[in-house]
């Protein structure tokens, strides 16, 4: 029996998953991504993770046709090189060859957000009826993926779409990519947390202090949204600013791609209907053409496993 093996390399953790021939997840494991230890260490640790998972499930190498890998940044799918990934400090890293040497399997390499999008696309109950599909992932960064007629659209150079680095404010905050005012600067997870901590420091009476146990290092996005729901003024300002830029970014996505289905995923987005309703409001407000059929907005269903699914299915027949 054949199996699919996928790896999702992230800025904080690396996860691997094993799927059966029908695309069902059988098992998964994860480890921290030691980004400051360099590419070689990340590759060795990833190879050990894969070996451990296969051994745990009793899977032989002969039962695997390839290894699918999702990685942040600009990925050259043809050469298997990560040209640039600011979250991993990668520049021109031949990741596919390095993993092939360690694992002994052909490696299919793709951008992690594209993998997440592919995973969610496979999970659509009406996939055969969806011609154009766009995914926004709100996590460590702002990842985006576009699928047209069942195929990932990655541009002529493998670098598309990077809507997380579309400019919302040309004179705005400096992004890790060295440009200013990127969507990611305002809507990535670390941006939300940073804004929450700064707000709490400016107001000793903020509920943010209580919810974090008086330790702002423990403050995360969920606690910020919780404080906002409980009426905290400072949390309200943070969330209002966050959603302002979220709407603006969604408006750019719609006007650039006009997808039939837009799926919102990532840990930050799991706030009930908030991000779906806000995206619908953004479409109504910002869409250039309001007299045509409008994009359907849906919540992602695979959670943090979307990238694993997409990576594992990179070589699967659609």
C-alpha atoms as a PDB file:
ATOM      1  CA  UNK A   1       0.000   0.000   0.000  1.00  0.00           C
ATOM      2  CA  UNK A   2       1.207   3.498  -0.858  1.00  0.00           C
ATOM      3  CA  UNK A   3       1.313   6.388   1.582  1.00  0.00           C
ATOM      4  CA  UNK A   4       1.839  10.147   1.377  1.00  0.00           C
ATOM      5  CA  UNK A   5       4.354  11.903   3.619  1.00  0.00           C
ATOM      6  CA  UNK A   6       4.251  15.655   4.150  1.00  0.00           C
ATOM      7  CA  UNK A   7       6.372  18.093   6.137  1.00  0.00           C
ATOM      8  CA  UNK A   8       5.431  21.643   7.109  1.00  0.00           C
ATOM      9  CA  UNK A   9       8.481  23.694   8.118  1.00  0.00           C
ATOM     10  CA  UNK A  10       7.429  26.775  10.053  1.00  0.00           C
ATOM     11  CA  UNK A  11       9.166  29.605  11.808  1.00  0.00           C
ATOM     12  CA  UNK A  12       8.538  28.075  15.237  1.00  0.00           C
ATOM     13  CA  UNK A  13       7.841  24.380  14.624  1.00  0.00           C
ATOM     14  CA  UNK A  14       8.263  21.661  12.004  1.00  0.00           C
ATOM     15  CA  UNK A  15       5.463  19.123  11.639  1.00  0.00           C
ATOM     16  CA  UNK A  16       5.312  15.885   9.664  1.00  0.00           C
ATOM     17  CA  UNK A  17       2.264  13.823   8.804  1.00  0.00           C
ATOM     18  CA  UNK A  18       1.536  10.476   7.191  1.00  0.00           C
ATOM     19  CA  UNK A  19      -1.542  10.080   4.971  1.00  0.00           C
ATOM     20  CA  UNK A  20      -3.045   6.933   3.543  1.00  0.00           C
ATOM     21  CA  UNK A  21      -3.915   6.462  -0.138  1.00  0.00           C
ATOM     22  CA  UNK A  22      -7.298   8.123   0.426  1.00  0.00           C
ATOM     23  CA  UNK A  23      -5.731  11.227   1.956  1.00  0.00           C
ATOM     24  CA  UNK A  24      -6.650  10.479   5.569  1.00  0.00           C
ATOM     25  CA  UNK A  25      -4.160  11.504   8.257  1.00  0.00           C
ATOM     26  CA  UNK A  26      -2.818   8.446  10.050  1.00  0.00           C
ATOM     27  CA  UNK A  27      -0.252  10.063  12.337  1.00  0.00           C
ATOM     28  CA  UNK A  28       1.724  13.252  12.864  1.00  0.00           C
ATOM     29  CA  UNK A  29       4.625  14.515  14.950  1.00  0.00           C
ATOM     30  CA  UNK A  30       6.291  17.875  15.449  1.00  0.00           C
ATOM     31  CA  UNK A  31       9.500  19.406  16.737  1.00  0.00           C
ATOM     32  CA  UNK A  32      10.723  22.976  17.324  1.00  0.00           C
ATOM     33  CA  UNK A  33      12.316  24.705  14.328  1.00  0.00           C
ATOM     34  CA  UNK A  34      15.717  25.875  15.534  1.00  0.00           C
ATOM     35  CA  UNK A  35      15.988  28.740  13.069  1.00  0.00           C
ATOM     36  CA  UNK A  36      19.112  30.239  14.599  1.00  0.00           C
ATOM     37  CA  UNK A  37      21.055  26.984  14.186  1.00  0.00           C
ATOM     38  CA  UNK A  38      21.047  27.215  10.390  1.00  0.00           C
ATOM     39  CA  UNK A  39      19.714  25.231   7.453  1.00  0.00           C
ATOM     40  CA  UNK A  40      21.855  22.113   7.954  1.00  0.00           C
ATOM     41  CA  UNK A  41      20.604  21.616  11.508  1.00  0.00           C
ATOM     42  CA  UNK A  42      16.995  22.165  10.414  1.00  0.00           C
ATOM     43  CA  UNK A  43      17.430  19.547   7.672  1.00  0.00           C
ATOM     44  CA  UNK A  44      18.986  16.994  10.025  1.00  0.00           C
ATOM     45  CA  UNK A  45      16.250  17.481  12.596  1.00  0.00           C
ATOM     46  CA  UNK A  46      13.574  17.215   9.912  1.00  0.00           C
ATOM     47  CA  UNK A  47      15.088  13.972   8.603  1.00  0.00           C
ATOM     48  CA  UNK A  48      15.105  12.521  12.108  1.00  0.00           C
ATOM     49  CA  UNK A  49      11.466  13.565  12.549  1.00  0.00           C
ATOM     50  CA  UNK A  50      10.490  11.807   9.325  1.00  0.00           C
ATOM     51  CA  UNK A  51      12.384   8.635  10.214  1.00  0.00           C
ATOM     52  CA  UNK A  52      10.800   8.572  13.658  1.00  0.00           C
ATOM     53  CA  UNK A  53       7.299   8.950  12.217  1.00  0.00           C
ATOM     54  CA  UNK A  54       7.786   6.248   9.562  1.00  0.00           C
ATOM     55  CA  UNK A  55       9.292   3.851  12.100  1.00  0.00           C
ATOM     56  CA  UNK A  56       6.453   4.527  14.534  1.00  0.00           C
ATOM     57  CA  UNK A  57       3.883   3.569  11.882  1.00  0.00           C
ATOM     58  CA  UNK A  58       5.886   0.716  10.404  1.00  0.00           C
ATOM     59  CA  UNK A  59       6.142   2.356   6.977  1.00  0.00           C
ATOM     60  CA  UNK A  60       8.944   1.345   4.625  1.00  0.00           C
ATOM     61  CA  UNK A  61      10.636   3.732   2.213  1.00  0.00           C
ATOM     62  CA  UNK A  62       9.385   1.608  -0.703  1.00  0.00           C
ATOM     63  CA  UNK A  63       5.821   2.538   0.274  1.00  0.00           C
ATOM     64  CA  UNK A  64       6.518   6.242  -0.285  1.00  0.00           C
ATOM     65  CA  UNK A  65       6.810   7.751  -3.770  1.00  0.00           C
ATOM     66  CA  UNK A  66       8.108  11.113  -2.598  1.00  0.00           C
ATOM     67  CA  UNK A  67       8.422  13.521   0.311  1.00  0.00           C
ATOM     68  CA  UNK A  68       6.329  16.684   0.089  1.00  0.00           C
ATOM     69  CA  UNK A  69       7.702  19.724   1.901  1.00  0.00           C
ATOM     70  CA  UNK A  70       6.211  23.128   2.599  1.00  0.00           C
ATOM     71  CA  UNK A  71       8.610  25.922   3.522  1.00  0.00           C
ATOM     72  CA  UNK A  72       8.153  29.653   4.129  1.00  0.00           C
ATOM     73  CA  UNK A  73       9.466  32.160   1.640  1.00  0.00           C
ATOM     74  CA  UNK A  74      10.230  32.226  -2.066  1.00  0.00           C
ATOM     75  CA  UNK A  75      10.559  28.665  -3.310  1.00  0.00           C
ATOM     76  CA  UNK A  76      11.821  27.576  -6.727  1.00  0.00           C
ATOM     77  CA  UNK A  77       9.800  24.439  -7.312  1.00  0.00           C
ATOM     78  CA  UNK A  78      11.885  23.397 -10.331  1.00  0.00           C
ATOM     79  CA  UNK A  79      15.274  23.548  -8.635  1.00  0.00           C
ATOM     80  CA  UNK A  80      14.140  22.775  -5.090  1.00  0.00           C
ATOM     81  CA  UNK A  81      15.882  25.881  -3.783  1.00  0.00           C
ATOM     82  CA  UNK A  82      14.497  28.228  -1.151  1.00  0.00           C
ATOM     83  CA  UNK A  83      15.604  31.509  -2.652  1.00  0.00           C
ATOM     84  CA  UNK A  84      14.643  33.591   0.357  1.00  0.00           C
ATOM     85  CA  UNK A  85      12.795  32.957   3.618  1.00  0.00           C
ATOM     86  CA  UNK A  86      13.108  35.759   6.148  1.00  0.00           C
ATOM     87  CA  UNK A  87      11.487  33.743   8.955  1.00  0.00           C
ATOM     88  CA  UNK A  88      14.126  31.002   8.611  1.00  0.00           C
ATOM     89  CA  UNK A  89      17.076  33.210   7.607  1.00  0.00           C
ATOM     90  CA  UNK A  90      17.353  31.199   4.379  1.00  0.00           C
ATOM     91  CA  UNK A  91      18.973  32.561   1.224  1.00  0.00           C
ATOM     92  CA  UNK A  92      19.540  30.274  -1.774  1.00  0.00           C
ATOM     93  CA  UNK A  93      19.253  27.095   0.312  1.00  0.00           C
ATOM     94  CA  UNK A  94      19.027  23.880  -1.824  1.00  0.00           C
ATOM     95  CA  UNK A  95      16.530  22.394   0.596  1.00  0.00           C
ATOM     96  CA  UNK A  96      15.183  19.643  -1.686  1.00  0.00           C
ATOM     97  CA  UNK A  97      18.652  18.250  -2.420  1.00  0.00           C
ATOM     98  CA  UNK A  98      19.657  18.484   1.230  1.00  0.00           C
ATOM     99  CA  UNK A  99      16.575  16.562   2.364  1.00  0.00           C
ATOM    100  CA  UNK A 100      16.922  14.038  -0.464  1.00  0.00           C
ATOM    101  CA  UNK A 101      20.467  13.313   0.712  1.00  0.00           C
ATOM    102  CA  UNK A 102      19.274  12.760   4.284  1.00  0.00           C
ATOM    103  CA  UNK A 103      16.005  10.911   3.592  1.00  0.00           C
ATOM    104  CA  UNK A 104      16.656   9.137   0.305  1.00  0.00           C
ATOM    105  CA  UNK A 105      13.339  10.103  -1.298  1.00  0.00           C
ATOM    106  CA  UNK A 106      12.499  12.469  -4.170  1.00  0.00           C
ATOM    107  CA  UNK A 107      11.497  15.798  -2.628  1.00  0.00           C
ATOM    108  CA  UNK A 108       8.695  18.036  -3.886  1.00  0.00           C
ATOM    109  CA  UNK A 109       9.182  21.512  -2.435  1.00  0.00           C
ATOM    110  CA  UNK A 110       6.597  24.283  -2.247  1.00  0.00           C
ATOM    111  CA  UNK A 111       5.887  27.453  -0.297  1.00  0.00           C
ATOM    112  CA  UNK A 112       4.177  26.637   3.008  1.00  0.00           C
ATOM    113  CA  UNK A 113       1.213  28.949   2.433  1.00  0.00           C
ATOM    114  CA  UNK A 114       0.675  27.342  -0.977  1.00  0.00           C
ATOM    115  CA  UNK A 115       0.687  23.950   0.730  1.00  0.00           C
ATOM    116  CA  UNK A 116      -1.882  25.129   3.261  1.00  0.00           C
ATOM    117  CA  UNK A 117      -4.025  26.441   0.444  1.00  0.00           C
ATOM    118  CA  UNK A 118      -3.698  23.185  -1.472  1.00  0.00           C
ATOM    119  CA  UNK A 119      -4.668  21.210   1.614  1.00  0.00           C
ATOM    120  CA  UNK A 120      -7.779  23.318   2.174  1.00  0.00           C
ATOM    121  CA  UNK A 121      -8.646  23.108  -1.508  1.00  0.00           C
ATOM    122  CA  UNK A 122      -8.514  19.300  -1.354  1.00  0.00           C
ATOM    123  CA  UNK A 123     -10.834  19.468   1.671  1.00  0.00           C
ATOM    124  CA  UNK A 124     -13.559  21.442  -0.136  1.00  0.00           C
ATOM    125  CA  UNK A 125     -16.746  19.358  -0.306  1.00  0.00           C
ATOM    126  CA  UNK A 126     -17.575  21.035  -3.641  1.00  0.00           C
ATOM    127  CA  UNK A 127     -14.015  21.114  -4.984  1.00  0.00           C
ATOM    128  CA  UNK A 128     -15.043  20.013  -8.492  1.00  0.00           C
ATOM    129  CA  UNK A 129     -17.287  23.064  -8.781  1.00  0.00           C
ATOM    130  CA  UNK A 130     -14.698  25.614  -7.594  1.00  0.00           C
ATOM    131  CA  UNK A 131     -12.667  27.050 -10.456  1.00  0.00           C
ATOM    132  CA  UNK A 132     -10.732  29.675  -8.488  1.00  0.00           C
ATOM    133  CA  UNK A 133      -9.762  29.412  -4.830  1.00  0.00           C
ATOM    134  CA  UNK A 134      -7.792  31.765  -2.582  1.00  0.00           C
ATOM    135  CA  UNK A 135      -6.519  31.108   0.936  1.00  0.00           C
ATOM    136  CA  UNK A 136      -5.301  33.592   3.530  1.00  0.00           C
ATOM    137  CA  UNK A 137      -3.439  32.165   6.524  1.00  0.00           C
ATOM    138  CA  UNK A 138      -3.033  34.410   9.567  1.00  0.00           C
ATOM    139  CA  UNK A 139      -0.214  32.944  11.612  1.00  0.00           C
ATOM    140  CA  UNK A 140       3.455  33.697  12.194  1.00  0.00           C
ATOM    141  CA  UNK A 141       3.154  35.704   8.978  1.00  0.00           C
ATOM    142  CA  UNK A 142       0.353  36.378   6.511  1.00  0.00           C
ATOM    143  CA  UNK A 143       0.445  33.574   3.967  1.00  0.00           C
ATOM    144  CA  UNK A 144      -1.579  33.435   0.763  1.00  0.00           C
ATOM    145  CA  UNK A 145      -2.244  30.851  -1.943  1.00  0.00           C
ATOM    146  CA  UNK A 146      -4.180  30.908  -5.218  1.00  0.00           C
ATOM    147  CA  UNK A 147      -5.480  27.842  -7.034  1.00  0.00           C
ATOM    148  CA  UNK A 148      -6.833  28.123 -10.569  1.00  0.00           C
ATOM    149  CA  UNK A 149      -8.565  25.139 -12.153  1.00  0.00           C
ATOM    150  CA  UNK A 150      -7.004  22.747  -9.659  1.00  0.00           C
ATOM    151  CA  UNK A 151      -3.438  24.032 -10.050  1.00  0.00           C
ATOM    152  CA  UNK A 152      -1.385  26.235  -7.774  1.00  0.00           C
ATOM    153  CA  UNK A 153      -0.597  29.609  -9.338  1.00  0.00           C
ATOM    154  CA  UNK A 154       2.948  30.559  -8.363  1.00  0.00           C
ATOM    155  CA  UNK A 155       3.990  33.041 -11.046  1.00  0.00           C
ATOM    156  CA  UNK A 156       6.703  32.535 -13.648  1.00  0.00           C
ATOM    157  CA  UNK A 157       9.365  32.489 -10.929  1.00  0.00           C
ATOM    158  CA  UNK A 158       7.570  30.534  -8.195  1.00  0.00           C
ATOM    159  CA  UNK A 159       7.200  33.605  -5.973  1.00  0.00           C
ATOM    160  CA  UNK A 160       3.461  34.272  -6.250  1.00  0.00           C
ATOM    161  CA  UNK A 161       1.209  35.123  -4.562  1.00  0.00           C
ATOM    162  CA  UNK A 162       2.758  37.099  -1.715  1.00  0.00           C
ATOM    163  CA  UNK A 163      -0.162  39.266  -0.720  1.00  0.00           C
ATOM    164  CA  UNK A 164       1.227  39.312   2.815  1.00  0.00           C
ATOM    165  CA  UNK A 165       3.844  41.656   1.392  1.00  0.00           C
ATOM    166  CA  UNK A 166       1.504  43.893  -0.549  1.00  0.00           C
ATOM    167  CA  UNK A 167       1.988  47.462   0.632  1.00  0.00           C
ATOM    168  CA  UNK A 168      -0.791  48.942   2.742  1.00  0.00           C
ATOM    169  CA  UNK A 169       1.226  51.951   3.879  1.00  0.00           C
ATOM    170  CA  UNK A 170       4.291  52.963   1.859  1.00  0.00           C
ATOM    171  CA  UNK A 171       5.597  54.953   4.817  1.00  0.00           C
ATOM    172  CA  UNK A 172       4.561  52.407   7.424  1.00  0.00           C
ATOM    173  CA  UNK A 173       6.419  50.073   9.738  1.00  0.00           C
ATOM    174  CA  UNK A 174       9.476  48.203   8.530  1.00  0.00           C
ATOM    175  CA  UNK A 175       8.810  44.573   7.627  1.00  0.00           C
ATOM    176  CA  UNK A 176      11.281  41.697   7.969  1.00  0.00           C
ATOM    177  CA  UNK A 177      11.380  41.629   4.157  1.00  0.00           C
ATOM    178  CA  UNK A 178      12.920  45.157   4.323  1.00  0.00           C
ATOM    179  CA  UNK A 179       9.910  46.865   2.728  1.00  0.00           C
ATOM    180  CA  UNK A 180       7.596  49.150   4.652  1.00  0.00           C
ATOM    181  CA  UNK A 181       3.938  48.874   5.429  1.00  0.00           C
ATOM    182  CA  UNK A 182       3.381  45.268   4.322  1.00  0.00           C
ATOM    183  CA  UNK A 183       0.089  43.599   5.242  1.00  0.00           C
ATOM    184  CA  UNK A 184       2.140  41.167   7.348  1.00  0.00           C
ATOM    185  CA  UNK A 185       3.519  44.024   9.467  1.00  0.00           C
ATOM    186  CA  UNK A 186       0.017  44.723  10.742  1.00  0.00           C
ATOM    187  CA  UNK A 187      -1.730  41.341  10.657  1.00  0.00           C
ATOM    188  CA  UNK A 188       0.881  38.687  11.469  1.00  0.00           C
ATOM    189  CA  UNK A 189       0.586  37.028  14.858  1.00  0.00           C
ATOM    190  CA  UNK A 190       3.662  38.706  16.269  1.00  0.00           C
ATOM    191  CA  UNK A 191       2.340  42.105  15.155  1.00  0.00           C
ATOM    192  CA  UNK A 192      -0.902  41.574  17.072  1.00  0.00           C
ATOM    193  CA  UNK A 193       0.936  40.424  20.195  1.00  0.00           C
ATOM    194  CA  UNK A 194       3.439  43.281  20.012  1.00  0.00           C
ATOM    195  CA  UNK A 195       0.618  45.810  19.750  1.00  0.00           C
ATOM    196  CA  UNK A 196      -1.172  44.174  22.684  1.00  0.00           C
ATOM    197  CA  UNK A 197       1.913  44.334  24.893  1.00  0.00           C
ATOM    198  CA  UNK A 198       2.553  47.963  24.023  1.00  0.00           C
ATOM    199  CA  UNK A 199      -1.070  48.813  24.819  1.00  0.00           C
ATOM    200  CA  UNK A 200      -0.891  47.033  28.168  1.00  0.00           C
ATOM    201  CA  UNK A 201       2.315  48.860  29.101  1.00  0.00           C
ATOM    202  CA  UNK A 202       0.586  52.165  28.495  1.00  0.00           C
ATOM    203  CA  UNK A 203      -2.312  51.298  30.816  1.00  0.00           C
ATOM    204  CA  UNK A 204      -1.769  49.539  34.124  1.00  0.00           C
ATOM    205  CA  UNK A 205      -5.528  49.029  34.545  1.00  0.00           C
ATOM    206  CA  UNK A 206      -5.927  47.093  31.298  1.00  0.00           C
ATOM    207  CA  UNK A 207      -7.514  43.646  31.535  1.00  0.00           C
ATOM    208  CA  UNK A 208      -4.595  42.451  29.402  1.00  0.00           C
ATOM    209  CA  UNK A 209      -2.468  42.394  32.543  1.00  0.00           C
ATOM    210  CA  UNK A 210      -4.924  40.242  34.462  1.00  0.00           C
ATOM    211  CA  UNK A 211      -5.490  37.759  31.639  1.00  0.00           C
ATOM    212  CA  UNK A 212      -1.758  37.317  31.111  1.00  0.00           C
ATOM    213  CA  UNK A 213      -1.149  36.708  34.814  1.00  0.00           C
ATOM    214  CA  UNK A 214       0.785  39.991  35.077  1.00  0.00           C
ATOM    215  CA  UNK A 215       3.350  38.541  32.663  1.00  0.00           C
ATOM    216  CA  UNK A 216       3.078  40.127  29.231  1.00  0.00           C
ATOM    217  CA  UNK A 217       5.375  37.470  27.783  1.00  0.00           C
ATOM    218  CA  UNK A 218       2.391  35.141  28.155  1.00  0.00           C
ATOM    219  CA  UNK A 219       0.061  37.469  26.297  1.00  0.00           C
ATOM    220  CA  UNK A 220      -1.091  35.975  22.989  1.00  0.00           C
ATOM    221  CA  UNK A 221      -3.644  36.769  20.315  1.00  0.00           C
ATOM    222  CA  UNK A 222      -6.433  34.769  21.935  1.00  0.00           C
ATOM    223  CA  UNK A 223      -6.074  36.675  25.199  1.00  0.00           C
ATOM    224  CA  UNK A 224      -6.167  39.985  23.337  1.00  0.00           C
ATOM    225  CA  UNK A 225      -9.425  39.016  21.640  1.00  0.00           C
ATOM    226  CA  UNK A 226     -10.778  37.746  24.970  1.00  0.00           C
ATOM    227  CA  UNK A 227     -10.021  41.092  26.640  1.00  0.00           C
ATOM    228  CA  UNK A 228     -11.679  42.881  23.725  1.00  0.00           C
ATOM    229  CA  UNK A 229     -14.833  40.788  24.096  1.00  0.00           C
ATOM    230  CA  UNK A 230     -14.897  41.615  27.803  1.00  0.00           C
ATOM    231  CA  UNK A 231     -14.896  45.312  26.975  1.00  0.00           C
ATOM    232  CA  UNK A 232     -11.284  46.257  27.719  1.00  0.00           C
ATOM    233  CA  UNK A 233     -10.592  49.651  26.149  1.00  0.00           C
ATOM    234  CA  UNK A 234      -6.920  49.079  25.296  1.00  0.00           C
ATOM    235  CA  UNK A 235      -7.597  45.651  23.808  1.00  0.00           C
ATOM    236  CA  UNK A 236     -10.393  47.259  21.811  1.00  0.00           C
ATOM    237  CA  UNK A 237      -7.991  49.738  20.248  1.00  0.00           C
ATOM    238  CA  UNK A 238      -5.576  46.937  19.338  1.00  0.00           C
ATOM    239  CA  UNK A 239      -8.269  44.754  17.785  1.00  0.00           C
ATOM    240  CA  UNK A 240      -9.862  47.677  15.948  1.00  0.00           C
ATOM    241  CA  UNK A 241      -6.517  48.572  14.354  1.00  0.00           C
ATOM    242  CA  UNK A 242      -5.824  44.932  13.513  1.00  0.00           C
ATOM    243  CA  UNK A 243      -9.198  44.453  11.826  1.00  0.00           C
ATOM    244  CA  UNK A 244      -8.781  47.736   9.927  1.00  0.00           C
ATOM    245  CA  UNK A 245      -5.666  46.392   8.200  1.00  0.00           C
ATOM    246  CA  UNK A 246      -7.211  42.943   7.839  1.00  0.00           C
ATOM    247  CA  UNK A 247     -10.105  44.474   5.897  1.00  0.00           C
ATOM    248  CA  UNK A 248      -7.735  46.484   3.732  1.00  0.00           C
ATOM    249  CA  UNK A 249      -5.702  43.396   2.865  1.00  0.00           C
ATOM    250  CA  UNK A 250      -8.820  41.376   2.056  1.00  0.00           C
ATOM    251  CA  UNK A 251      -9.957  44.182  -0.231  1.00  0.00           C
ATOM    252  CA  UNK A 252      -6.661  43.945  -2.119  1.00  0.00           C
ATOM    253  CA  UNK A 253      -7.023  40.170  -2.471  1.00  0.00           C
ATOM    254  CA  UNK A 254     -10.521  40.484  -3.891  1.00  0.00           C
ATOM    255  CA  UNK A 255      -9.670  43.187  -6.396  1.00  0.00           C
ATOM    256  CA  UNK A 256      -6.514  41.395  -7.523  1.00  0.00           C
ATOM    257  CA  UNK A 257      -7.911  37.861  -7.873  1.00  0.00           C
ATOM    258  CA  UNK A 258     -11.741  37.857  -7.577  1.00  0.00           C
ATOM    259  CA  UNK A 259     -11.708  34.220  -6.390  1.00  0.00           C
ATOM    260  CA  UNK A 260     -14.867  32.161  -6.352  1.00  0.00           C
ATOM    261  CA  UNK A 261     -14.035  30.976  -2.823  1.00  0.00           C
ATOM    262  CA  UNK A 262     -11.880  32.729  -0.214  1.00  0.00           C
ATOM    263  CA  UNK A 263     -10.885  30.632   2.792  1.00  0.00           C
ATOM    264  CA  UNK A 264      -9.500  32.203   5.978  1.00  0.00           C
ATOM    265  CA  UNK A 265      -7.221  30.088   8.158  1.00  0.00           C
ATOM    266  CA  UNK A 266      -4.458  30.293  10.736  1.00  0.00           C
ATOM    267  CA  UNK A 267      -4.591  30.356  14.521  1.00  0.00           C
ATOM    268  CA  UNK A 268      -5.536  34.025  14.774  1.00  0.00           C
ATOM    269  CA  UNK A 269      -8.654  33.517  12.669  1.00  0.00           C
ATOM    270  CA  UNK A 270     -10.306  31.086  15.077  1.00  0.00           C
ATOM    271  CA  UNK A 271     -12.538  33.713  16.677  1.00  0.00           C
ATOM    272  CA  UNK A 272     -15.982  32.443  15.827  1.00  0.00           C
ATOM    273  CA  UNK A 273     -17.541  34.307  12.887  1.00  0.00           C
ATOM    274  CA  UNK A 274     -15.466  37.442  13.391  1.00  0.00           C
ATOM    275  CA  UNK A 275     -12.995  36.996  10.539  1.00  0.00           C
ATOM    276  CA  UNK A 276     -15.583  35.633   8.118  1.00  0.00           C
ATOM    277  CA  UNK A 277     -18.021  38.470   8.783  1.00  0.00           C
ATOM    278  CA  UNK A 278     -15.238  41.061   8.630  1.00  0.00           C
ATOM    279  CA  UNK A 279     -14.023  39.670   5.306  1.00  0.00           C
ATOM    280  CA  UNK A 280     -17.569  39.828   3.917  1.00  0.00           C
ATOM    281  CA  UNK A 281     -17.786  43.435   5.064  1.00  0.00           C
ATOM    282  CA  UNK A 282     -14.458  44.197   3.368  1.00  0.00           C
ATOM    283  CA  UNK A 283     -15.693  42.698   0.107  1.00  0.00           C
ATOM    284  CA  UNK A 284     -18.847  44.797   0.255  1.00  0.00           C
ATOM    285  CA  UNK A 285     -16.813  47.931   1.006  1.00  0.00           C
ATOM    286  CA  UNK A 286     -13.706  47.575  -1.144  1.00  0.00           C
ATOM    287  CA  UNK A 287     -14.660  45.426  -4.141  1.00  0.00           C
ATOM    288  CA  UNK A 288     -14.284  47.489  -7.291  1.00  0.00           C
ATOM    289  CA  UNK A 289     -17.253  45.857  -9.006  1.00  0.00           C
ATOM    290  CA  UNK A 290     -20.282  45.427  -6.762  1.00  0.00           C
ATOM    291  CA  UNK A 291     -22.781  44.405  -9.445  1.00  0.00           C
ATOM    292  CA  UNK A 292     -21.306  40.963 -10.204  1.00  0.00           C
ATOM    293  CA  UNK A 293     -21.347  37.696  -8.256  1.00  0.00           C
ATOM    294  CA  UNK A 294     -19.307  38.077  -5.082  1.00  0.00           C
ATOM    295  CA  UNK A 295     -16.699  35.834  -3.504  1.00  0.00           C
ATOM    296  CA  UNK A 296     -17.830  33.219  -0.985  1.00  0.00           C
ATOM    297  CA  UNK A 297     -15.907  33.458   2.285  1.00  0.00           C
ATOM    298  CA  UNK A 298     -15.351  30.291   4.298  1.00  0.00           C
ATOM    299  CA  UNK A 299     -13.494  29.237   7.427  1.00  0.00           C
ATOM    300  CA  UNK A 300     -10.582  26.850   6.981  1.00  0.00           C
ATOM    301  CA  UNK A 301     -11.351  23.342   8.231  1.00  0.00           C
ATOM    302  CA  UNK A 302      -7.952  21.657   8.575  1.00  0.00           C
ATOM    303  CA  UNK A 303      -6.490  23.977  11.202  1.00  0.00           C
ATOM    304  CA  UNK A 304      -2.750  23.677  11.738  1.00  0.00           C
ATOM    305  CA  UNK A 305      -2.682  20.475   9.685  1.00  0.00           C
ATOM    306  CA  UNK A 306      -3.481  22.193   6.383  1.00  0.00           C
ATOM    307  CA  UNK A 307       0.174  22.620   5.454  1.00  0.00           C
ATOM    308  CA  UNK A 308       0.935  18.963   6.141  1.00  0.00           C
ATOM    309  CA  UNK A 309      -1.987  17.809   3.999  1.00  0.00           C
ATOM    310  CA  UNK A 310      -1.015  20.111   1.133  1.00  0.00           C
ATOM    311  CA  UNK A 311       2.655  19.128   1.237  1.00  0.00           C
ATOM    312  CA  UNK A 312       1.821  15.428   1.340  1.00  0.00           C
ATOM    313  CA  UNK A 313      -0.522  15.788  -1.658  1.00  0.00           C
ATOM    314  CA  UNK A 314       1.828  17.852  -3.838  1.00  0.00           C
ATOM    315  CA  UNK A 315       2.404  14.880  -6.135  1.00  0.00           C
ATOM    316  CA  UNK A 316      -1.075  13.394  -5.912  1.00  0.00           C
ATOM    317  CA  UNK A 317      -3.360  13.346  -8.938  1.00  0.00           C
ATOM    318  CA  UNK A 318      -6.085  15.953  -8.706  1.00  0.00           C
END
